[in-house]
Full PDB file with SEQRES, HELIX, SHEET, SSBOND, CRYST1, ORIGX, SCALE, CONECT and MASTER records, all heavy atoms in Angstrom:
SEQRES   1 A   40  ILE SER GLU GLU ILE LYS LYS GLN LEU GLN GLU HIS GLU          
SEQRES   2 A   40  GLY LYS GLU ASN PRO ASP TYR VAL ILE ALA CYS VAL GLY          
SEQRES   3 A   40  GLY GLY SER ASN ALA ALA GLY ALA PHE TYR HIS PHE TYR          
SEQRES   4 A   40  ASP                                                          
HELIX    1 AA1 SER A    2  GLU A   13  1                                  12    
HELIX    2 AA2 SER A   29  PHE A   35  1                                   7    
HELIX    3 AA3 TYR A   36  PHE A   38  5                                   3    
CRYST1    1.000    1.000    1.000  90.00  90.00  90.00 P 1           1          
ORIGX1      1.000000  0.000000  0.000000        0.00000                         
ORIGX2      0.000000  1.000000  0.000000        0.00000                         
ORIGX3      0.000000  0.000000  1.000000        0.00000                         
SCALE1      1.000000  0.000000  0.000000        0.00000                         
SCALE2      0.000000  1.000000  0.000000        0.00000                         
SCALE3      0.000000  0.000000  1.000000        0.00000                         
ATOM      1  N   ILE A   1     133.261 161.051 117.272  1.00  0.00           N  
ATOM      2  CA  ILE A   1     133.925 159.977 116.488  1.00  0.00           C  
ATOM      3  C   ILE A   1     133.083 159.586 115.275  1.00  0.00           C  
ATOM      4  O   ILE A   1     133.607 159.578 114.126  1.00  0.00           O  
ATOM      5  CB  ILE A   1     134.181 158.749 117.378  1.00  0.00           C  
ATOM      6  CG1 ILE A   1     135.080 159.141 118.569  1.00  0.00           C  
ATOM      7  CG2 ILE A   1     134.830 157.641 116.575  1.00  0.00           C  
ATOM      8  CD1 ILE A   1     135.249 158.027 119.612  1.00  0.00           C  
ATOM      9  N   SER A   2     131.825 159.244 115.446  1.00  0.00           N  
ATOM     10  CA  SER A   2     131.009 158.789 114.333  1.00  0.00           C  
ATOM     11  C   SER A   2     130.605 159.992 113.402  1.00  0.00           C  
ATOM     12  O   SER A   2     130.446 159.813 112.213  1.00  0.00           O  
ATOM     13  CB  SER A   2     129.749 158.122 114.803  1.00  0.00           C  
ATOM     14  OG  SER A   2     129.087 158.795 115.827  1.00  0.00           O  
ATOM     15  N   GLU A   3     130.529 161.170 113.981  1.00  0.00           N  
ATOM     16  CA  GLU A   3     130.320 162.378 113.182  1.00  0.00           C  
ATOM     17  C   GLU A   3     131.386 162.532 112.143  1.00  0.00           C  
ATOM     18  O   GLU A   3     131.197 162.737 110.987  1.00  0.00           O  
ATOM     19  CB  GLU A   3     130.196 163.627 114.061  1.00  0.00           C  
ATOM     20  CG  GLU A   3     129.715 164.800 113.304  1.00  0.00           C  
ATOM     21  CD  GLU A   3     129.750 166.100 114.143  1.00  0.00           C  
ATOM     22  OE1 GLU A   3     129.716 165.931 115.382  1.00  0.00           O  
ATOM     23  OE2 GLU A   3     129.725 167.147 113.593  1.00  0.00           O  
ATOM     24  N   GLU A   4     132.668 162.392 112.622  1.00  0.00           N  
ATOM     25  CA  GLU A   4     133.813 162.496 111.727  1.00  0.00           C  
ATOM     26  C   GLU A   4     133.881 161.329 110.744  1.00  0.00           C  
ATOM     27  O   GLU A   4     134.228 161.524 109.536  1.00  0.00           O  
ATOM     28  CB  GLU A   4     135.101 162.544 112.536  1.00  0.00           C  
ATOM     29  CG  GLU A   4     135.295 163.889 113.255  1.00  0.00           C  
ATOM     30  CD  GLU A   4     136.553 163.898 114.160  1.00  0.00           C  
ATOM     31  OE1 GLU A   4     137.353 162.931 114.064  1.00  0.00           O  
ATOM     32  OE2 GLU A   4     136.706 164.845 114.868  1.00  0.00           O  
ATOM     33  N   ILE A   5     133.559 160.120 111.165  1.00  0.00           N  
ATOM     34  CA  ILE A   5     133.593 158.945 110.305  1.00  0.00           C  
ATOM     35  C   ILE A   5     132.722 159.222 109.084  1.00  0.00           C  
ATOM     36  O   ILE A   5     133.110 158.963 107.941  1.00  0.00           O  
ATOM     37  CB  ILE A   5     133.158 157.680 111.041  1.00  0.00           C  
ATOM     38  CG1 ILE A   5     134.183 157.198 112.055  1.00  0.00           C  
ATOM     39  CG2 ILE A   5     132.912 156.518 110.004  1.00  0.00           C  
ATOM     40  CD1 ILE A   5     133.750 156.071 112.971  1.00  0.00           C  
ATOM     41  N   LYS A   6     131.497 159.759 109.297  1.00  0.00           N  
ATOM     42  CA  LYS A   6     130.567 159.956 108.211  1.00  0.00           C  
ATOM     43  C   LYS A   6     131.192 160.946 107.165  1.00  0.00           C  
ATOM     44  O   LYS A   6     131.190 160.680 105.978  1.00  0.00           O  
ATOM     45  CB  LYS A   6     129.286 160.597 108.732  1.00  0.00           C  
ATOM     46  CG  LYS A   6     128.264 159.575 109.218  1.00  0.00           C  
ATOM     47  CD  LYS A   6     127.057 160.275 109.803  1.00  0.00           C  
ATOM     48  CE  LYS A   6     125.772 159.599 109.763  1.00  0.00           C  
ATOM     49  NZ  LYS A   6     125.220 158.780 108.794  1.00  0.00           N  
ATOM     50  N   LYS A   7     131.762 162.057 107.654  1.00  0.00           N  
ATOM     51  CA  LYS A   7     132.327 163.020 106.697  1.00  0.00           C  
ATOM     52  C   LYS A   7     133.556 162.426 105.994  1.00  0.00           C  
ATOM     53  O   LYS A   7     133.701 162.624 104.777  1.00  0.00           O  
ATOM     54  CB  LYS A   7     132.807 164.274 107.525  1.00  0.00           C  
ATOM     55  CG  LYS A   7     131.660 165.165 107.997  1.00  0.00           C  
ATOM     56  CD  LYS A   7     132.239 166.424 108.673  1.00  0.00           C  
ATOM     57  CE  LYS A   7     131.166 167.217 109.387  1.00  0.00           C  
ATOM     58  NZ  LYS A   7     131.619 167.787 110.618  1.00  0.00           N  
ATOM     59  N   GLN A   8     134.367 161.732 106.751  1.00  0.00           N  
ATOM     60  CA  GLN A   8     135.612 161.179 106.149  1.00  0.00           C  
ATOM     61  C   GLN A   8     135.339 160.062 105.191  1.00  0.00           C  
ATOM     62  O   GLN A   8     136.027 159.956 104.137  1.00  0.00           O  
ATOM     63  CB  GLN A   8     136.557 160.749 107.246  1.00  0.00           C  
ATOM     64  CG  GLN A   8     137.091 161.886 108.101  1.00  0.00           C  
ATOM     65  CD  GLN A   8     137.744 161.446 109.390  1.00  0.00           C  
ATOM     66  OE1 GLN A   8     137.275 160.546 110.065  1.00  0.00           O  
ATOM     67  NE2 GLN A   8     138.843 162.112 109.741  1.00  0.00           N  
ATOM     68  N   LEU A   9     134.325 159.249 105.472  1.00  0.00           N  
ATOM     69  CA  LEU A   9     133.988 158.166 104.572  1.00  0.00           C  
ATOM     70  C   LEU A   9     133.411 158.770 103.281  1.00  0.00           C  
ATOM     71  O   LEU A   9     133.637 158.163 102.150  1.00  0.00           O  
ATOM     72  CB  LEU A   9     132.972 157.229 105.234  1.00  0.00           C  
ATOM     73  CG  LEU A   9     133.045 155.770 104.773  1.00  0.00           C  
ATOM     74  CD1 LEU A   9     134.421 155.235 104.955  1.00  0.00           C  
ATOM     75  CD2 LEU A   9     132.081 154.954 105.665  1.00  0.00           C  
ATOM     76  N   GLN A  10     132.674 159.817 103.390  1.00  0.00           N  
ATOM     77  CA  GLN A  10     132.151 160.529 102.177  1.00  0.00           C  
ATOM     78  C   GLN A  10     133.313 160.868 101.242  1.00  0.00           C  
ATOM     79  O   GLN A  10     133.256 160.654 100.012  1.00  0.00           O  
ATOM     80  CB  GLN A  10     131.411 161.751 102.562  1.00  0.00           C  
ATOM     81  CG  GLN A  10     130.723 162.513 101.456  1.00  0.00           C  
ATOM     82  CD  GLN A  10     129.574 161.704 100.834  1.00  0.00           C  
ATOM     83  OE1 GLN A  10     128.688 161.237 101.531  1.00  0.00           O  
ATOM     84  NE2 GLN A  10     129.578 161.529  99.523  1.00  0.00           N  
ATOM     85  N   GLU A  11     134.402 161.355 101.830  1.00  0.00           N  
ATOM     86  CA  GLU A  11     135.634 161.713 101.018  1.00  0.00           C  
ATOM     87  C   GLU A  11     136.269 160.498 100.436  1.00  0.00           C  
ATOM     88  O   GLU A  11     136.608 160.480  99.275  1.00  0.00           O  
ATOM     89  CB  GLU A  11     136.648 162.442 101.898  1.00  0.00           C  
ATOM     90  CG  GLU A  11     136.244 163.858 102.256  1.00  0.00           C  
ATOM     91  CD  GLU A  11     137.164 164.465 103.351  1.00  0.00           C  
ATOM     92  OE1 GLU A  11     138.292 163.969 103.523  1.00  0.00           O  
ATOM     93  OE2 GLU A  11     136.670 165.360 104.055  1.00  0.00           O  
ATOM     94  N   HIS A  12     136.414 159.432 101.227  1.00  0.00           N  
ATOM     95  CA  HIS A  12     137.145 158.236 100.767  1.00  0.00           C  
ATOM     96  C   HIS A  12     136.290 157.330  99.836  1.00  0.00           C  
ATOM     97  O   HIS A  12     136.802 156.847  98.818  1.00  0.00           O  
ATOM     98  CB  HIS A  12     137.451 157.307 101.972  1.00  0.00           C  
ATOM     99  CG  HIS A  12     138.609 157.788 102.777  1.00  0.00           C  
ATOM    100  ND1 HIS A  12     139.870 157.739 102.349  1.00  0.00           N  
ATOM    101  CD2 HIS A  12     138.685 158.279 104.056  1.00  0.00           C  
ATOM    102  CE1 HIS A  12     140.752 158.235 103.281  1.00  0.00           C  
ATOM    103  NE2 HIS A  12     139.988 158.564 104.352  1.00  0.00           N  
ATOM    104  N   GLU A  13     134.993 157.164 100.104  1.00  0.00           N  
ATOM    105  CA  GLU A  13     134.184 156.172  99.415  1.00  0.00           C  
ATOM    106  C   GLU A  13     132.977 156.799  98.684  1.00  0.00           C  
ATOM    107  O   GLU A  13     132.256 156.064  98.044  1.00  0.00           O  
ATOM    108  CB  GLU A  13     133.668 155.138 100.425  1.00  0.00           C  
ATOM    109  CG  GLU A  13     134.732 154.242 100.986  1.00  0.00           C  
ATOM    110  CD  GLU A  13     135.217 153.187 100.007  1.00  0.00           C  
ATOM    111  OE1 GLU A  13     134.433 152.861  99.111  1.00  0.00           O  
ATOM    112  OE2 GLU A  13     136.402 152.775 100.142  1.00  0.00           O  
ATOM    113  N   GLY A  14     132.765 158.099  98.838  1.00  0.00           N  
ATOM    114  CA  GLY A  14     131.634 158.748  98.203  1.00  0.00           C  
ATOM    115  C   GLY A  14     130.321 158.368  98.879  1.00  0.00           C  
ATOM    116  O   GLY A  14     129.209 158.492  98.283  1.00  0.00           O  
ATOM    117  N   LYS A  15     130.372 157.876 100.113  1.00  0.00           N  
ATOM    118  CA  LYS A  15     129.143 157.585 100.876  1.00  0.00           C  
ATOM    119  C   LYS A  15     129.432 157.710 102.343  1.00  0.00           C  
ATOM    120  O   LYS A  15     130.541 157.512 102.790  1.00  0.00           O  
ATOM    121  CB  LYS A  15     128.609 156.146 100.555  1.00  0.00           C  
ATOM    122  CG  LYS A  15     129.521 155.008 100.899  1.00  0.00           C  
ATOM    123  CD  LYS A  15     128.889 153.691 100.708  1.00  0.00           C  
ATOM    124  CE  LYS A  15     129.725 152.538 101.290  1.00  0.00           C  
ATOM    125  NZ  LYS A  15     129.088 151.235 101.182  1.00  0.00           N  
ATOM    126  N   GLU A  16     128.400 158.116 103.088  1.00  0.00           N  
ATOM    127  CA  GLU A  16     128.562 158.405 104.527  1.00  0.00           C  
ATOM    128  C   GLU A  16     128.612 157.155 105.395  1.00  0.00           C  
ATOM    129  O   GLU A  16     129.205 157.164 106.455  1.00  0.00           O  
ATOM    130  CB  GLU A  16     127.418 159.311 105.051  1.00  0.00           C  
ATOM    131  CG  GLU A  16     127.558 160.728 104.687  1.00  0.00           C  
ATOM    132  CD  GLU A  16     126.631 161.615 105.538  1.00  0.00           C  
ATOM    133  OE1 GLU A  16     125.612 161.056 106.011  1.00  0.00           O  
ATOM    134  OE2 GLU A  16     126.958 162.759 105.748  1.00  0.00           O  
ATOM    135  N   ASN A  17     127.863 156.151 104.925  1.00  0.00           N  
ATOM    136  CA  ASN A  17     127.689 154.977 105.831  1.00  0.00           C  
ATOM    137  C   ASN A  17     128.497 153.769 105.453  1.00  0.00           C  
ATOM    138  O   ASN A  17     128.464 153.312 104.262  1.00  0.00           O  
ATOM    139  CB  ASN A  17     126.220 154.548 105.819  1.00  0.00           C  
ATOM    140  CG  ASN A  17     125.318 155.583 106.505  1.00  0.00           C  
ATOM    141  OD1 ASN A  17     125.825 156.437 107.197  1.00  0.00           O  
ATOM    142  ND2 ASN A  17     124.004 155.561 106.213  1.00  0.00           N  
ATOM    143  N   PRO A  18     129.265 153.212 106.408  1.00  0.00           N  
ATOM    144  CA  PRO A  18     129.980 151.965 106.106  1.00  0.00           C  
ATOM    145  C   PRO A  18     129.012 150.775 106.189  1.00  0.00           C  
ATOM    146  O   PRO A  18     127.866 150.982 106.502  1.00  0.00           O  
ATOM    147  CB  PRO A  18     131.023 151.897 107.281  1.00  0.00           C  
ATOM    148  CG  PRO A  18     130.338 152.623 108.372  1.00  0.00           C  
ATOM    149  CD  PRO A  18     129.461 153.667 107.765  1.00  0.00           C  
ATOM    150  N   ASP A  19     129.512 149.570 105.911  1.00  0.00           N  
ATOM    151  CA  ASP A  19     128.674 148.404 106.081  1.00  0.00           C  
ATOM    152  C   ASP A  19     128.796 147.892 107.518  1.00  0.00           C  
ATOM    153  O   ASP A  19     127.811 147.275 108.053  1.00  0.00           O  
ATOM    154  CB  ASP A  19     129.104 147.302 105.110  1.00  0.00           C  
ATOM    155  CG  ASP A  19     128.891 147.766 103.655  1.00  0.00           C  
ATOM    156  OD1 ASP A  19     127.751 148.160 103.361  1.00  0.00           O  
ATOM    157  OD2 ASP A  19     129.849 147.831 102.897  1.00  0.00           O  
ATOM    158  N   TYR A  20     129.925 148.108 108.134  1.00  0.00           N  
ATOM    159  CA  TYR A  20     130.197 147.612 109.531  1.00  0.00           C  
ATOM    160  C   TYR A  20     130.920 148.705 110.304  1.00  0.00           C  
ATOM    161  O   TYR A  20     131.805 149.332 109.741  1.00  0.00           O  
ATOM    162  CB  TYR A  20     131.080 146.369 109.530  1.00  0.00           C  
ATOM    163  CG  TYR A  20     130.504 145.135 108.833  1.00  0.00           C  
ATOM    164  CD1 TYR A  20     130.621 144.995 107.481  1.00  0.00           C  
ATOM    165  CD2 TYR A  20     129.907 144.149 109.591  1.00  0.00           C  
ATOM    166  CE1 TYR A  20     130.094 143.845 106.836  1.00  0.00           C  
ATOM    167  CE2 TYR A  20     129.358 143.020 109.005  1.00  0.00           C  
ATOM    168  CZ  TYR A  20     129.481 142.896 107.596  1.00  0.00           C  
ATOM    169  OH  TYR A  20     128.948 141.749 107.007  1.00  0.00           O  
ATOM    170  N   VAL A  21     130.567 148.826 111.598  1.00  0.00           N  
ATOM    171  CA  VAL A  21     131.384 149.607 112.539  1.00  0.00           C  
ATOM    172  C   VAL A  21     131.721 148.610 113.685  1.00  0.00           C  
ATOM    173  O   VAL A  21     130.835 148.005 114.245  1.00  0.00           O  
ATOM    174  CB  VAL A  21     130.682 150.845 113.077  1.00  0.00           C  
ATOM    175  CG1 VAL A  21     131.620 151.586 114.016  1.00  0.00           C  
ATOM    176  CG2 VAL A  21     130.292 151.778 111.946  1.00  0.00           C  
ATOM    177  N   ILE A  22     133.006 148.526 113.960  1.00  0.00           N  
ATOM    178  CA  ILE A  22     133.460 147.556 114.968  1.00  0.00           C  
ATOM    179  C   ILE A  22     134.227 148.261 116.065  1.00  0.00           C  
ATOM    180  O   ILE A  22     135.081 149.139 115.850  1.00  0.00           O  
ATOM    181  CB  ILE A  22     134.462 146.498 114.398  1.00  0.00           C  
ATOM    182  CG1 ILE A  22     133.785 145.798 113.150  1.00  0.00           C  
ATOM    183  CG2 ILE A  22     134.912 145.437 115.433  1.00  0.00           C  
ATOM    184  CD1 ILE A  22     134.724 144.825 112.398  1.00  0.00           C  
ATOM    185  N   ALA A  23     133.885 147.971 117.344  1.00  0.00           N  
ATOM    186  CA  ALA A  23     134.575 148.575 118.496  1.00  0.00           C  
ATOM    187  C   ALA A  23     134.572 147.633 119.663  1.00  0.00           C  
ATOM    188  O   ALA A  23     133.643 146.786 119.809  1.00  0.00           O  
ATOM    189  CB  ALA A  23     133.824 149.868 118.860  1.00  0.00           C  
ATOM    190  N   CYS A  24     135.553 147.711 120.521  1.00  0.00           N  
ATOM    191  CA  CYS A  24     135.618 146.904 121.726  1.00  0.00           C  
ATOM    192  C   CYS A  24     134.701 147.601 122.802  1.00  0.00           C  
ATOM    193  O   CYS A  24     134.410 148.763 122.721  1.00  0.00           O  
ATOM    194  CB  CYS A  24     137.028 146.758 122.269  1.00  0.00           C  
ATOM    195  SG  CYS A  24     137.777 148.334 122.799  1.00  0.00           S  
ATOM    196  N   VAL A  25     134.195 146.729 123.698  1.00  0.00           N  
ATOM    197  CA  VAL A  25     133.317 147.258 124.752  1.00  0.00           C  
ATOM    198  C   VAL A  25     133.749 146.733 126.127  1.00  0.00           C  
ATOM    199  O   VAL A  25     133.840 145.534 126.347  1.00  0.00           O  
ATOM    200  CB  VAL A  25     131.829 146.785 124.503  1.00  0.00           C  
ATOM    201  CG1 VAL A  25     130.938 147.156 125.667  1.00  0.00           C  
ATOM    202  CG2 VAL A  25     131.305 147.409 123.234  1.00  0.00           C  
ATOM    203  N   GLY A  26     134.025 147.720 127.032  1.00  0.00           N  
ATOM    204  CA  GLY A  26     134.174 147.391 128.458  1.00  0.00           C  
ATOM    205  C   GLY A  26     132.924 147.931 129.093  1.00  0.00           C  
ATOM    206  O   GLY A  26     131.897 147.344 129.249  1.00  0.00           O  
ATOM    207  N   GLY A  27     132.973 149.250 129.394  1.00  0.00           N  
ATOM    208  CA  GLY A  27     131.770 150.014 129.734  1.00  0.00           C  
ATOM    209  C   GLY A  27     131.077 150.422 128.444  1.00  0.00           C  
ATOM    210  O   GLY A  27     129.835 150.368 128.314  1.00  0.00           O  
ATOM    211  N   GLY A  28     131.873 150.840 127.476  1.00  0.00           N  
ATOM    212  CA  GLY A  28     131.394 151.056 126.112  1.00  0.00           C  
ATOM    213  C   GLY A  28     131.418 152.498 125.597  1.00  0.00           C  
ATOM    214  O   GLY A  28     130.664 152.830 124.724  1.00  0.00           O  
ATOM    215  N   SER A  29     132.376 153.334 126.099  1.00  0.00           N  
ATOM    216  CA  SER A  29     132.351 154.726 125.576  1.00  0.00           C  
ATOM    217  C   SER A  29     132.912 154.864 124.159  1.00  0.00           C  
ATOM    218  O   SER A  29     132.379 155.642 123.396  1.00  0.00           O  
ATOM    219  CB  SER A  29     133.129 155.631 126.558  1.00  0.00           C  
ATOM    220  OG  SER A  29     134.498 155.309 126.656  1.00  0.00           O  
ATOM    221  N   ASN A  30     133.934 154.101 123.823  1.00  0.00           N  
ATOM    222  CA  ASN A  30     134.444 154.224 122.464  1.00  0.00           C  
ATOM    223  C   ASN A  30     133.440 153.655 121.446  1.00  0.00           C  
ATOM    224  O   ASN A  30     133.229 154.206 120.394  1.00  0.00           O  
ATOM    225  CB  ASN A  30     135.882 153.673 122.293  1.00  0.00           C  
ATOM    226  CG  ASN A  30     135.914 152.264 121.775  1.00  0.00           C  
ATOM    227  OD1 ASN A  30     135.817 152.011 120.553  1.00  0.00           O  
ATOM    228  ND2 ASN A  30     136.069 151.306 122.710  1.00  0.00           N  
ATOM    229  N   ALA A  31     132.799 152.598 121.867  1.00  0.00           N  
ATOM    230  CA  ALA A  31     131.740 151.980 120.964  1.00  0.00           C  
ATOM    231  C   ALA A  31     130.561 152.925 120.829  1.00  0.00           C  
ATOM    232  O   ALA A  31     130.065 153.125 119.682  1.00  0.00           O  
ATOM    233  CB  ALA A  31     131.314 150.637 121.521  1.00  0.00           C  
ATOM    234  N   ALA A  32     130.110 153.521 121.922  1.00  0.00           N  
ATOM    235  CA  ALA A  32     128.965 154.446 121.842  1.00  0.00           C  
ATOM    236  C   ALA A  32     129.312 155.637 120.902  1.00  0.00           C  
ATOM    237  O   ALA A  32     128.490 156.063 120.117  1.00  0.00           O  
ATOM    238  CB  ALA A  32     128.598 154.971 123.221  1.00  0.00           C  
ATOM    239  N   GLY A  33     130.554 156.116 121.035  1.00  0.00           N  
ATOM    240  CA  GLY A  33     130.990 157.208 120.156  1.00  0.00           C  
ATOM    241  C   GLY A  33     131.013 156.832 118.702  1.00  0.00           C  
ATOM    242  O   GLY A  33     130.623 157.614 117.804  1.00  0.00           O  
ATOM    243  N   ALA A  34     131.542 155.630 118.432  1.00  0.00           N  
ATOM    244  CA  ALA A  34     131.658 155.156 117.047  1.00  0.00           C  
ATOM    245  C   ALA A  34     130.266 154.758 116.480  1.00  0.00           C  
ATOM    246  O   ALA A  34     130.071 154.856 115.251  1.00  0.00           O  
ATOM    247  CB  ALA A  34     132.587 153.982 117.012  1.00  0.00           C  
ATOM    248  N   PHE A  35     129.360 154.334 117.289  1.00  0.00           N  
ATOM    249  CA  PHE A  35     128.036 153.855 116.847  1.00  0.00           C  
ATOM    250  C   PHE A  35     127.030 155.069 116.719  1.00  0.00           C  
ATOM    251  O   PHE A  35     126.087 154.979 115.985  1.00  0.00           O  
ATOM    252  CB  PHE A  35     127.429 152.870 117.824  1.00  0.00           C  
ATOM    253  CG  PHE A  35     128.157 151.549 117.967  1.00  0.00           C  
ATOM    254  CD1 PHE A  35     127.784 150.624 118.933  1.00  0.00           C  
ATOM    255  CD2 PHE A  35     129.182 151.190 117.054  1.00  0.00           C  
ATOM    256  CE1 PHE A  35     128.418 149.399 119.053  1.00  0.00           C  
ATOM    257  CE2 PHE A  35     129.795 149.961 117.193  1.00  0.00           C  
ATOM    258  CZ  PHE A  35     129.418 149.044 118.180  1.00  0.00           C  
ATOM    259  N   TYR A  36     127.234 156.110 117.508  1.00  0.00           N  
ATOM    260  CA  TYR A  36     126.188 157.109 117.828  1.00  0.00           C  
ATOM    261  C   TYR A  36     125.409 157.541 116.570  1.00  0.00           C  
ATOM    262  O   TYR A  36     124.172 157.503 116.534  1.00  0.00           O  
ATOM    263  CB  TYR A  36     126.785 158.308 118.545  1.00  0.00           C  
ATOM    264  CG  TYR A  36     125.723 159.205 119.242  1.00  0.00           C  
ATOM    265  CD1 TYR A  36     125.353 158.929 120.526  1.00  0.00           C  
ATOM    266  CD2 TYR A  36     125.173 160.244 118.553  1.00  0.00           C  
ATOM    267  CE1 TYR A  36     124.420 159.687 121.153  1.00  0.00           C  
ATOM    268  CE2 TYR A  36     124.233 161.011 119.200  1.00  0.00           C  
ATOM    269  CZ  TYR A  36     123.820 160.717 120.490  1.00  0.00           C  
ATOM    270  OH  TYR A  36     122.885 161.517 121.103  1.00  0.00           O  
ATOM    271  N   HIS A  37     126.107 158.036 115.538  1.00  0.00           N  
ATOM    272  CA  HIS A  37     125.414 158.609 114.375  1.00  0.00           C  
ATOM    273  C   HIS A  37     124.991 157.534 113.396  1.00  0.00           C  
ATOM    274  O   HIS A  37     124.439 157.797 112.347  1.00  0.00           O  
ATOM    275  CB  HIS A  37     126.312 159.640 113.713  1.00  0.00           C  
ATOM    276  CG  HIS A  37     126.368 160.901 114.523  1.00  0.00           C  
ATOM    277  ND1 HIS A  37     125.289 161.793 114.565  1.00  0.00           N  
ATOM    278  CD2 HIS A  37     127.305 161.455 115.333  1.00  0.00           C  
ATOM    279  CE1 HIS A  37     125.616 162.832 115.359  1.00  0.00           C  
ATOM    280  NE2 HIS A  37     126.813 162.631 115.840  1.00  0.00           N  
ATOM    281  N   PHE A  38     125.200 156.239 113.807  1.00  0.00           N  
ATOM    282  CA  PHE A  38     124.734 155.147 112.973  1.00  0.00           C  
ATOM    283  C   PHE A  38     123.601 154.329 113.661  1.00  0.00           C  
ATOM    284  O   PHE A  38     123.156 153.354 113.094  1.00  0.00           O  
ATOM    285  CB  PHE A  38     125.914 154.173 112.643  1.00  0.00           C  
ATOM    286  CG  PHE A  38     127.032 154.866 111.898  1.00  0.00           C  
ATOM    287  CD1 PHE A  38     128.278 155.076 112.502  1.00  0.00           C  
ATOM    288  CD2 PHE A  38     126.838 155.341 110.581  1.00  0.00           C  
ATOM    289  CE1 PHE A  38     129.325 155.665 111.811  1.00  0.00           C  
ATOM    290  CE2 PHE A  38     127.859 155.960 109.925  1.00  0.00           C  
ATOM    291  CZ  PHE A  38     129.112 156.165 110.553  1.00  0.00           C  
ATOM    292  N   TYR A  39     123.218 154.716 114.879  1.00  0.00           N  
ATOM    293  CA  TYR A  39     122.200 153.979 115.641  1.00  0.00           C  
ATOM    294  C   TYR A  39     120.989 153.628 114.732  1.00  0.00           C  
ATOM    295  O   TYR A  39     120.456 152.507 114.817  1.00  0.00           O  
ATOM    296  CB  TYR A  39     121.722 154.768 116.827  1.00  0.00           C  
ATOM    297  CG  TYR A  39     122.601 154.808 118.032  1.00  0.00           C  
ATOM    298  CD1 TYR A  39     122.432 155.862 118.971  1.00  0.00           C  
ATOM    299  CD2 TYR A  39     123.523 153.826 118.359  1.00  0.00           C  
ATOM    300  CE1 TYR A  39     123.214 155.886 120.158  1.00  0.00           C  
ATOM    301  CE2 TYR A  39     124.273 153.916 119.459  1.00  0.00           C  
ATOM    302  CZ  TYR A  39     124.144 154.938 120.398  1.00  0.00           C  
ATOM    303  OH  TYR A  39     124.925 154.952 121.479  1.00  0.00           O  
ATOM    304  N   ASP A  40     120.552 154.623 114.011  1.00  0.00           N  
ATOM    305  CA  ASP A  40     119.264 154.451 113.268  1.00  0.00           C  
ATOM    306  C   ASP A  40     119.505 154.193 111.778  1.00  0.00           C  
ATOM    307  O   ASP A  40     118.587 154.208 110.986  1.00  0.00           O  
ATOM    308  CB  ASP A  40     118.379 155.657 113.493  1.00  0.00           C  
ATOM    309  CG  ASP A  40     117.966 155.788 114.925  1.00  0.00           C  
ATOM    310  OD1 ASP A  40     118.025 154.802 115.668  1.00  0.00           O  
ATOM    311  OD2 ASP A  40     117.562 156.890 115.373  1.00  0.00           O  
TER     312      ASP A  40                                                      
MASTER        0    0    0    3    0    0    0    6  311    1    0    4          
END                                                                             
């Protein structure tokens, strides 16, 4: 999920990183996927 976000944002905005990534958390799999390549 976050791997694709980086590539797609590069196309849309000319940069890989957004300012915010927002996801709901129960156990947290969708959030972990959306956050993964932005952890650091």
